[in-house]
Amino acid sequence: MTEPAESIELTDPRALRAIAHPLRMRLIGLLRLEGPLTATRAGQLLGESSGSCSFHLRQLAKYGMVEEAGGGQGREKPWRATAMSTSWPAIPDTPEATAAAQLFSTVVADRYLELIRTWIAVSPDEPDEWREAAAIGDSIIYATPDELAELMRRMVALVEPYSERVTRRETRPPGARPISVLHVAVPNDRRHTDA
């Protein structure tokens, strides 16, 4: 069995719409973090039924996001993620692709917000060292499109030295935990107003 690819790019609007489902996104994330899992084990970890996880894993397989990892039978066969990250076009080439990319981006943003809200809810029970290390905040800057693109490249480069720890467990130092480092940088001068 080969290692998952670094990234998979979704350009098919049908794939973007199919994967823009909260449980499917959670399953992909879980398989990326935990490695091959059966639908039963994934269900236990996510608080979902094995039948529901099995159905959604089969749907993800249709679009190349997961695959059978070999071994097992029925719901007891393990699944694995085919790639460690997902990308999609910033400028889709059709109105259908634009709508699908917007839907997918919205579900991704909702997932990020869920992660942040979960941390806020559980943080009082976390050790002080983790509470002090974790951060939620923002910085306002003025930048051109080229400068913003360069800033994002640099932010991603800062995280890169830690990325192998996701797939190579032996590189994780004692006490290391999975961390979501969000790369979000968007213009904020277009306010939505109610009519």
Protein backbone atom coordinates (compact mmCIF):
# COMPACT_ATOMS: atom_id res chain seq x y z
CA MET A 1 0.00 0.00 0.00
CA THR A 2 1.38 3.39 -0.98
CA GLU A 3 1.38 6.48 1.21
CA PRO A 4 -1.42 9.01 0.63
CA ALA A 5 -0.65 11.72 -1.91
CA GLU A 6 0.29 15.15 -0.58
CA SER A 7 -2.82 16.79 -2.05
CA ILE A 8 -5.81 16.12 -4.25
CA GLU A 9 -7.36 18.89 -6.35
CA LEU A 10 -11.12 18.84 -6.82
CA THR A 11 -12.24 20.45 -10.06
CA ASP A 12 -15.38 18.44 -10.83
CA PRO A 13 -18.45 20.34 -9.51
CA ARG A 14 -20.15 17.00 -8.73
CA ALA A 15 -17.23 15.96 -6.53
CA LEU A 16 -17.18 19.32 -4.74
CA ARG A 17 -20.91 19.08 -4.00
CA ALA A 18 -20.67 15.44 -2.93
CA ILE A 19 -17.82 16.09 -0.52
CA ALA A 20 -19.39 19.29 0.86
CA HIS A 21 -21.07 17.32 3.63
CA PRO A 22 -20.11 17.77 7.29
CA LEU A 23 -19.81 14.05 8.11
CA ARG A 24 -17.88 13.30 4.95
CA MET A 25 -15.43 16.07 5.76
CA ARG A 26 -15.06 14.76 9.31
CA LEU A 27 -14.41 11.25 7.95
CA ILE A 28 -11.71 12.50 5.58
CA GLY A 29 -10.07 14.45 8.41
CA LEU A 30 -10.22 11.45 10.74
CA LEU A 31 -8.64 9.13 8.17
CA ARG A 32 -5.90 11.67 7.53
CA LEU A 33 -5.11 11.89 11.25
CA GLU A 34 -5.64 8.31 12.39
CA GLY A 35 -4.75 6.30 9.30
CA PRO A 36 -6.82 3.37 8.05
CA LEU A 37 -10.04 2.82 9.99
CA THR A 38 -13.12 0.66 9.58
CA ALA A 39 -16.55 2.25 9.32
CA THR A 40 -17.29 0.81 12.77
CA ARG A 41 -14.22 2.41 14.36
CA ALA A 42 -14.78 5.70 12.54
CA GLY A 43 -18.36 5.71 13.81
CA GLN A 44 -17.17 5.14 17.38
CA LEU A 45 -14.67 8.00 17.17
CA LEU A 46 -17.16 10.41 15.56
CA GLY A 47 -20.23 9.41 17.55
CA GLU A 48 -22.01 8.20 14.39
CA SER A 49 -23.46 4.85 13.37
CA SER A 50 -21.25 2.42 11.48
CA GLY A 51 -23.94 2.21 8.78
CA SER A 52 -23.88 5.96 8.23
CA CYS A 53 -20.07 6.01 8.13
CA SER A 54 -20.03 3.06 5.73
CA PHE A 55 -22.44 4.84 3.37
CA HIS A 56 -20.48 8.09 3.43
CA LEU A 57 -17.13 6.31 2.99
CA ARG A 58 -18.49 4.64 -0.15
CA GLN A 59 -19.63 8.05 -1.43
CA LEU A 60 -16.18 9.50 -0.77
CA ALA A 61 -14.61 6.56 -2.61
CA LYS A 62 -16.69 7.38 -5.72
CA TYR A 63 -14.82 10.68 -5.96
CA GLY A 64 -11.37 9.35 -5.11
CA MET A 65 -11.13 10.87 -1.64
CA VAL A 66 -10.83 7.52 0.20
CA GLU A 67 -10.06 3.96 -0.79
CA GLU A 68 -10.08 0.53 0.77
CA ALA A 69 -6.86 -0.05 2.65
CA GLY A 70 -6.93 -3.83 2.26
CA GLY A 71 -7.96 -6.56 4.66
CA GLY A 72 -11.22 -6.98 6.54
CA GLN A 73 -14.69 -7.64 5.20
CA GLY A 74 -17.95 -5.70 4.92
CA ARG A 75 -18.11 -2.91 7.50
CA GLU A 76 -14.95 -4.27 9.03
CA LYS A 77 -12.79 -3.41 6.02
CA PRO A 78 -10.44 -0.50 6.68
CA TRP A 79 -10.52 2.69 4.62
CA ARG A 80 -7.77 5.26 4.12
CA ALA A 81 -7.55 8.80 2.79
CA THR A 82 -6.01 9.05 -0.67
CA ALA A 83 -4.43 12.47 0.01
CA MET A 84 -3.38 14.50 3.04
CA SER A 85 -4.96 17.75 1.87
CA THR A 86 -7.61 18.98 -0.53
CA SER A 87 -7.46 21.95 -2.88
CA TRP A 88 -9.99 23.42 -5.28
CA PRO A 89 -9.81 26.21 -7.86
CA ALA A 90 -9.89 29.76 -6.55
CA ILE A 91 -11.29 30.81 -9.93
CA PRO A 92 -13.56 28.01 -11.23
CA ASP A 93 -14.15 27.98 -14.98
CA THR A 94 -17.96 27.65 -15.09
CA PRO A 95 -20.92 29.02 -13.11
CA GLU A 96 -21.69 25.45 -11.94
CA ALA A 97 -18.12 25.02 -10.71
CA THR A 98 -18.26 28.42 -9.00
CA ALA A 99 -21.45 27.46 -7.12
CA ALA A 100 -19.97 24.09 -6.12
CA ALA A 101 -16.72 25.70 -4.94
CA GLN A 102 -18.68 28.24 -2.88
CA LEU A 103 -20.69 25.44 -1.25
CA PHE A 104 -17.54 23.46 -0.51
CA SER A 105 -15.74 26.53 0.88
CA THR A 106 -18.71 27.30 3.12
CA VAL A 107 -18.71 23.76 4.57
CA VAL A 108 -14.94 23.98 5.10
CA ALA A 109 -15.37 27.33 6.91
CA ASP A 110 -18.16 25.83 9.04
CA ARG A 111 -15.83 22.95 9.96
CA TYR A 112 -13.13 25.43 11.00
CA LEU A 113 -15.64 27.32 13.13
CA GLU A 114 -16.73 24.03 14.73
CA LEU A 115 -13.11 23.24 15.63
CA ILE A 116 -12.65 26.67 17.20
CA ARG A 117 -15.92 26.46 19.15
CA THR A 118 -15.01 23.00 20.42
CA TRP A 119 -11.66 24.29 21.66
CA ILE A 120 -13.31 27.22 23.42
CA ALA A 121 -15.78 24.84 25.11
CA VAL A 122 -13.17 22.34 26.33
CA SER A 123 -10.28 24.72 27.02
CA PRO A 124 -11.10 25.27 30.71
CA ASP A 125 -10.34 21.57 31.25
CA GLU A 126 -7.07 21.70 29.33
CA PRO A 127 -3.63 22.07 30.97
CA ASP A 128 -2.42 25.65 31.32
CA GLU A 129 0.46 25.07 28.89
CA TRP A 130 -2.00 24.21 26.10
CA ARG A 131 -4.33 27.07 26.98
CA GLU A 132 -1.43 29.53 26.79
CA ALA A 133 -0.02 28.04 23.56
CA ALA A 134 -3.30 27.97 21.63
CA ALA A 135 -4.35 31.22 20.01
CA ILE A 136 -7.33 32.83 18.36
CA GLY A 137 -6.82 36.29 16.95
CA ASP A 138 -6.32 38.34 13.88
CA SER A 139 -4.19 41.02 12.33
CA ILE A 140 -5.40 43.73 10.00
CA ILE A 141 -3.01 44.58 7.17
CA TYR A 142 -3.19 46.41 3.85
CA ALA A 143 -1.74 44.40 0.99
CA THR A 144 -1.83 43.98 -2.77
CA PRO A 145 -2.89 40.65 -4.30
CA ASP A 146 0.77 39.73 -4.90
CA GLU A 147 1.71 40.58 -1.31
CA LEU A 148 -1.24 38.57 0.04
CA ALA A 149 -0.26 35.55 -2.08
CA GLU A 150 3.32 35.82 -0.78
CA LEU A 151 2.10 36.11 2.82
CA MET A 152 0.04 32.93 2.42
CA ARG A 153 3.02 31.08 0.88
CA ARG A 154 5.16 32.12 3.85
CA MET A 155 2.50 31.08 6.37
CA VAL A 156 2.25 27.64 4.77
CA ALA A 157 6.06 27.38 4.72
CA LEU A 158 6.16 28.00 8.49
CA VAL A 159 3.96 24.96 9.08
CA GLU A 160 5.72 22.70 6.54
CA PRO A 161 8.47 21.39 8.89
CA TYR A 162 5.75 19.87 11.10
CA SER A 163 3.72 18.25 8.31
CA GLU A 164 5.54 14.92 8.15
CA ARG A 165 4.40 14.21 11.70
CA VAL A 166 0.90 13.58 10.39
CA THR A 167 1.87 10.51 8.38
CA ARG A 168 5.06 9.50 10.22
CA ARG A 169 4.07 8.84 13.81
CA GLU A 170 7.67 8.12 14.81
CA THR A 171 8.59 11.78 14.19
CA ARG A 172 6.09 13.07 16.77
CA PRO A 173 7.74 14.23 19.99
CA PRO A 174 6.25 13.06 23.28
CA GLY A 175 3.19 15.11 24.19
CA ALA A 176 2.51 16.25 20.60
CA ARG A 177 -1.16 16.64 19.68
CA PRO A 178 -2.87 17.25 16.32
CA ILE A 179 -3.18 21.00 15.78
CA SER A 180 -5.30 22.82 13.21
CA VAL A 181 -3.40 25.81 11.89
CA LEU A 182 -5.83 27.80 9.78
CA HIS A 183 -4.60 29.74 6.77
CA VAL A 184 -7.23 32.40 6.26
CA ALA A 185 -6.54 35.78 4.71
CA VAL A 186 -9.43 37.56 3.02
CA PRO A 187 -10.30 41.17 2.22
CA ASN A 188 -12.69 42.56 4.84
CA ASP A 189 -13.83 45.81 3.23
CA ARG A 190 -16.97 44.34 1.60
CA ARG A 191 -19.62 44.33 4.29
CA HIS A 192 -22.93 42.56 3.84
CA THR A 193 -25.85 44.74 4.82
CA ASP A 194 -29.47 43.80 5.28
CA ALA A 195 -31.86 45.44 2.86
